[in-house]
Amino acid sequence: MLVTLYKRTFRVKGAPVSLSLVPFSTEQVHTFPAGGQVYEARYSEVRVTAPDDVKLDVLHNRLVWGKGLGTVKATAKEVFDLAAAGKSGFGLAK
């Protein structure tokens, strides 16, 4: 299954990076001050492959898979880390 992660970054070293499983609001402007300048957020999408049984919990912004006591819930950052490491059936899409 292909999952899209939404990434928010700024064009300055040391700025925060945010990942989400749901798109960021286009109504809100995010800025980051550094070195006497203010940088506006840049948005991009990262696609990852995931096991077929994953489900998106939009209310909690989590990806969920497994059943019963084996249920796993992961944030967008955790999903990205799993994909980057190629663990648990996750991977970065080409």
N, C-alpha and C. Protein backbone atom coordinates (compact mmCIF):
# COMPACT_ATOMS: atom_id res chain seq x y z
N MET A 1 0.84 -1.17 0.00
CA MET A 1 0.00 0.00 0.00
C MET A 1 0.89 1.24 0.00
N LEU A 2 0.47 2.26 -0.73
CA LEU A 2 1.22 3.50 -0.80
C LEU A 2 0.60 4.52 0.15
N VAL A 3 1.43 5.11 1.02
CA VAL A 3 0.98 6.09 2.00
C VAL A 3 1.73 7.39 1.74
N THR A 4 1.01 8.51 1.80
CA THR A 4 1.64 9.82 1.62
C THR A 4 1.84 10.49 2.96
N LEU A 5 3.08 10.92 3.22
CA LEU A 5 3.40 11.73 4.39
C LEU A 5 3.55 13.17 3.92
N TYR A 6 3.07 14.09 4.69
CA TYR A 6 3.15 15.50 4.35
C TYR A 6 4.23 16.15 5.21
N LYS A 7 5.18 16.82 4.54
CA LYS A 7 6.37 17.35 5.20
C LYS A 7 6.38 18.88 5.14
N ARG A 8 6.68 19.51 6.28
CA ARG A 8 6.80 20.97 6.34
C ARG A 8 8.22 21.29 6.80
N THR A 9 8.94 22.08 6.02
CA THR A 9 10.31 22.45 6.35
C THR A 9 10.49 23.94 6.09
N PHE A 10 11.65 24.44 6.48
CA PHE A 10 12.03 25.83 6.25
C PHE A 10 13.41 25.84 5.62
N ARG A 11 13.70 26.85 4.81
CA ARG A 11 14.97 26.92 4.07
C ARG A 11 16.09 27.53 4.91
N VAL A 12 16.31 27.00 6.10
CA VAL A 12 17.39 27.48 6.94
C VAL A 12 17.86 26.32 7.81
N LYS A 13 19.17 26.25 8.00
CA LYS A 13 19.75 25.17 8.79
C LYS A 13 19.27 25.24 10.24
N GLY A 14 18.94 24.07 10.80
CA GLY A 14 18.51 23.99 12.19
C GLY A 14 17.03 24.24 12.42
N ALA A 15 16.30 24.49 11.36
CA ALA A 15 14.85 24.73 11.49
C ALA A 15 14.12 23.41 11.71
N PRO A 16 12.96 23.46 12.34
CA PRO A 16 12.21 22.24 12.60
C PRO A 16 11.63 21.64 11.32
N VAL A 17 11.42 20.34 11.35
CA VAL A 17 10.77 19.60 10.28
C VAL A 17 9.55 18.92 10.88
N SER A 18 8.41 19.06 10.23
CA SER A 18 7.18 18.43 10.71
C SER A 18 6.70 17.43 9.67
N LEU A 19 6.23 16.28 10.15
CA LEU A 19 5.63 15.27 9.29
C LEU A 19 4.22 14.99 9.77
N SER A 20 3.32 14.76 8.83
CA SER A 20 1.94 14.48 9.17
C SER A 20 1.38 13.45 8.21
N LEU A 21 0.39 12.70 8.67
CA LEU A 21 -0.31 11.75 7.81
C LEU A 21 -1.51 12.40 7.12
N VAL A 22 -1.87 13.58 7.55
CA VAL A 22 -2.95 14.34 6.92
C VAL A 22 -2.36 15.66 6.42
N PRO A 23 -2.89 16.20 5.34
CA PRO A 23 -2.33 17.44 4.79
C PRO A 23 -2.38 18.59 5.79
N PHE A 24 -1.38 19.46 5.72
CA PHE A 24 -1.36 20.65 6.56
C PHE A 24 -2.40 21.64 6.05
N SER A 25 -2.95 22.45 6.92
CA SER A 25 -3.93 23.46 6.54
C SER A 25 -3.28 24.53 5.68
N THR A 26 -3.95 24.86 4.59
CA THR A 26 -3.44 25.93 3.73
C THR A 26 -3.89 27.30 4.23
N GLU A 27 -4.77 27.31 5.21
CA GLU A 27 -5.28 28.56 5.77
C GLU A 27 -4.32 29.19 6.78
N GLN A 28 -3.40 28.39 7.31
CA GLN A 28 -2.49 28.86 8.35
C GLN A 28 -1.09 29.05 7.77
N VAL A 29 -0.45 30.16 8.09
CA VAL A 29 0.91 30.45 7.62
C VAL A 29 1.89 30.11 8.74
N HIS A 30 2.91 29.32 8.40
CA HIS A 30 3.94 28.97 9.38
C HIS A 30 5.24 29.67 9.00
N THR A 31 5.88 30.31 9.98
CA THR A 31 7.14 30.99 9.74
C THR A 31 8.16 30.57 10.79
N PHE A 32 9.44 30.80 10.48
CA PHE A 32 10.53 30.48 11.40
C PHE A 32 11.56 31.61 11.33
N PRO A 33 11.80 32.32 12.45
CA PRO A 33 12.79 33.40 12.43
C PRO A 33 14.20 32.84 12.71
N ALA A 34 15.15 33.32 11.92
CA ALA A 34 16.55 32.90 12.14
C ALA A 34 17.47 33.92 11.48
N GLY A 35 18.50 34.32 12.20
CA GLY A 35 19.50 35.22 11.64
C GLY A 35 18.93 36.55 11.17
N GLY A 36 17.92 37.05 11.87
CA GLY A 36 17.34 38.33 11.50
C GLY A 36 16.37 38.27 10.33
N GLN A 37 16.09 37.07 9.83
CA GLN A 37 15.13 36.91 8.74
C GLN A 37 14.01 35.99 9.18
N VAL A 38 12.89 36.08 8.47
CA VAL A 38 11.75 35.21 8.74
C VAL A 38 11.53 34.34 7.50
N TYR A 39 11.52 33.04 7.71
CA TYR A 39 11.36 32.09 6.61
C TYR A 39 9.96 31.50 6.63
N GLU A 40 9.34 31.41 5.45
CA GLU A 40 8.04 30.77 5.35
C GLU A 40 8.22 29.28 5.09
N ALA A 41 7.25 28.52 5.56
CA ALA A 41 7.31 27.06 5.43
C ALA A 41 7.23 26.64 3.96
N ARG A 42 7.88 25.54 3.67
CA ARG A 42 7.81 24.89 2.36
C ARG A 42 7.19 23.53 2.59
N TYR A 43 6.35 23.12 1.69
CA TYR A 43 5.62 21.86 1.84
C TYR A 43 5.98 20.89 0.73
N SER A 44 6.06 19.61 1.08
CA SER A 44 6.31 18.57 0.09
C SER A 44 5.65 17.28 0.57
N GLU A 45 5.61 16.32 -0.32
CA GLU A 45 5.03 15.02 0.00
C GLU A 45 6.11 13.96 -0.08
N VAL A 46 6.06 13.01 0.85
CA VAL A 46 6.96 11.86 0.85
C VAL A 46 6.07 10.63 0.76
N ARG A 47 6.35 9.77 -0.22
CA ARG A 47 5.55 8.57 -0.37
C ARG A 47 6.31 7.37 0.19
N VAL A 48 5.61 6.58 0.97
CA VAL A 48 6.21 5.37 1.55
C VAL A 48 5.31 4.18 1.23
N THR A 49 5.94 3.02 1.14
CA THR A 49 5.17 1.79 0.99
C THR A 49 4.95 1.22 2.38
N ALA A 50 3.77 0.63 2.57
CA ALA A 50 3.40 0.10 3.88
C ALA A 50 2.69 -1.23 3.68
N PRO A 51 2.62 -2.06 4.73
CA PRO A 51 1.87 -3.31 4.62
C PRO A 51 0.43 -3.05 4.21
N ASP A 52 -0.18 -4.00 3.55
CA ASP A 52 -1.54 -3.83 3.01
C ASP A 52 -2.61 -3.63 4.07
N ASP A 53 -2.37 -4.07 5.30
CA ASP A 53 -3.43 -3.99 6.31
C ASP A 53 -3.41 -2.69 7.13
N VAL A 54 -2.60 -1.70 6.74
CA VAL A 54 -2.56 -0.44 7.50
C VAL A 54 -3.82 0.37 7.26
N LYS A 55 -4.21 1.12 8.27
CA LYS A 55 -5.36 2.01 8.18
C LYS A 55 -4.96 3.36 8.75
N LEU A 56 -5.50 4.42 8.18
CA LEU A 56 -5.21 5.76 8.64
C LEU A 56 -6.26 6.20 9.65
N ASP A 57 -5.81 6.56 10.84
CA ASP A 57 -6.68 7.12 11.88
C ASP A 57 -6.52 8.64 11.80
N VAL A 58 -7.40 9.27 11.02
CA VAL A 58 -7.30 10.71 10.76
C VAL A 58 -7.50 11.52 12.04
N LEU A 59 -8.40 11.07 12.89
CA LEU A 59 -8.70 11.80 14.12
C LEU A 59 -7.46 11.95 15.00
N HIS A 60 -6.65 10.90 15.08
CA HIS A 60 -5.45 10.92 15.93
C HIS A 60 -4.15 11.09 15.14
N ASN A 61 -4.26 11.23 13.80
CA ASN A 61 -3.09 11.41 12.94
C ASN A 61 -2.08 10.27 13.15
N ARG A 62 -2.60 9.05 13.09
CA ARG A 62 -1.78 7.84 13.30
C ARG A 62 -2.05 6.83 12.19
N LEU A 63 -1.07 5.99 11.91
CA LEU A 63 -1.25 4.85 11.04
C LEU A 63 -1.38 3.64 11.95
N VAL A 64 -2.37 2.80 11.70
CA VAL A 64 -2.68 1.67 12.59
C VAL A 64 -2.65 0.38 11.79
N TRP A 65 -2.07 -0.67 12.37
CA TRP A 65 -2.10 -1.98 11.74
C TRP A 65 -2.01 -3.05 12.81
N GLY A 66 -2.36 -4.28 12.43
CA GLY A 66 -2.38 -5.40 13.38
C GLY A 66 -3.74 -5.51 14.03
N LYS A 67 -3.90 -6.55 14.86
CA LYS A 67 -5.19 -6.79 15.51
C LYS A 67 -4.99 -7.18 16.97
N GLY A 68 -6.01 -6.88 17.77
CA GLY A 68 -5.99 -7.28 19.17
C GLY A 68 -4.82 -6.71 19.93
N LEU A 69 -4.14 -7.59 20.67
CA LEU A 69 -2.99 -7.15 21.46
C LEU A 69 -1.79 -6.79 20.60
N GLY A 70 -1.83 -7.19 19.32
CA GLY A 70 -0.73 -6.88 18.41
C GLY A 70 -0.94 -5.60 17.61
N THR A 71 -1.94 -4.79 17.97
CA THR A 71 -2.21 -3.55 17.25
C THR A 71 -1.08 -2.55 17.46
N VAL A 72 -0.64 -1.96 16.37
CA VAL A 72 0.44 -0.97 16.42
C VAL A 72 -0.11 0.35 15.91
N LYS A 73 0.21 1.44 16.61
CA LYS A 73 -0.16 2.79 16.19
C LYS A 73 1.12 3.59 16.06
N ALA A 74 1.28 4.27 14.91
CA ALA A 74 2.52 5.00 14.67
C ALA A 74 2.24 6.40 14.15
N THR A 75 3.05 7.35 14.60
CA THR A 75 2.99 8.73 14.10
C THR A 75 3.64 8.79 12.73
N ALA A 76 3.48 9.91 12.06
CA ALA A 76 4.11 10.11 10.75
C ALA A 76 5.63 10.00 10.85
N LYS A 77 6.22 10.54 11.91
CA LYS A 77 7.68 10.45 12.10
C LYS A 77 8.11 9.00 12.26
N GLU A 78 7.35 8.23 13.05
CA GLU A 78 7.68 6.81 13.24
C GLU A 78 7.53 6.03 11.93
N VAL A 79 6.49 6.35 11.15
CA VAL A 79 6.31 5.70 9.85
C VAL A 79 7.48 6.04 8.93
N PHE A 80 7.90 7.30 8.92
CA PHE A 80 9.05 7.70 8.10
C PHE A 80 10.30 6.95 8.53
N ASP A 81 10.54 6.86 9.82
CA ASP A 81 11.72 6.14 10.32
C ASP A 81 11.69 4.66 9.94
N LEU A 82 10.51 4.03 10.04
CA LEU A 82 10.37 2.63 9.63
C LEU A 82 10.66 2.48 8.14
N ALA A 83 10.14 3.40 7.33
CA ALA A 83 10.35 3.35 5.89
C ALA A 83 11.82 3.56 5.52
N ALA A 84 12.45 4.54 6.16
CA ALA A 84 13.86 4.83 5.88
C ALA A 84 14.75 3.66 6.24
N ALA A 85 14.38 2.92 7.30
CA ALA A 85 15.15 1.76 7.73
C ALA A 85 14.74 0.48 7.01
N GLY A 86 13.62 0.52 6.28
CA GLY A 86 13.14 -0.67 5.58
C GLY A 86 12.64 -1.75 6.54
N LYS A 87 12.03 -1.34 7.64
CA LYS A 87 11.58 -2.28 8.68
C LYS A 87 10.08 -2.54 8.60
N SER A 88 9.66 -3.69 9.10
CA SER A 88 8.26 -4.06 9.28
C SER A 88 7.40 -3.90 8.03
N GLY A 89 7.97 -4.14 6.86
CA GLY A 89 7.20 -4.04 5.63
C GLY A 89 7.09 -2.64 5.06
N PHE A 90 7.79 -1.67 5.64
CA PHE A 90 7.77 -0.30 5.16
C PHE A 90 8.98 -0.01 4.30
N GLY A 91 8.86 0.97 3.42
CA GLY A 91 9.99 1.38 2.57
C GLY A 91 9.68 2.73 1.95
N LEU A 92 10.72 3.40 1.47
CA LEU A 92 10.53 4.66 0.76
C LEU A 92 10.17 4.35 -0.67
N ALA A 93 9.09 4.94 -1.16
CA ALA A 93 8.66 4.70 -2.54
C ALA A 93 9.61 5.40 -3.50
N LYS A 94 9.80 4.80 -4.64
CA LYS A 94 10.70 5.37 -5.66
C LYS A 94 9.97 6.37 -6.51
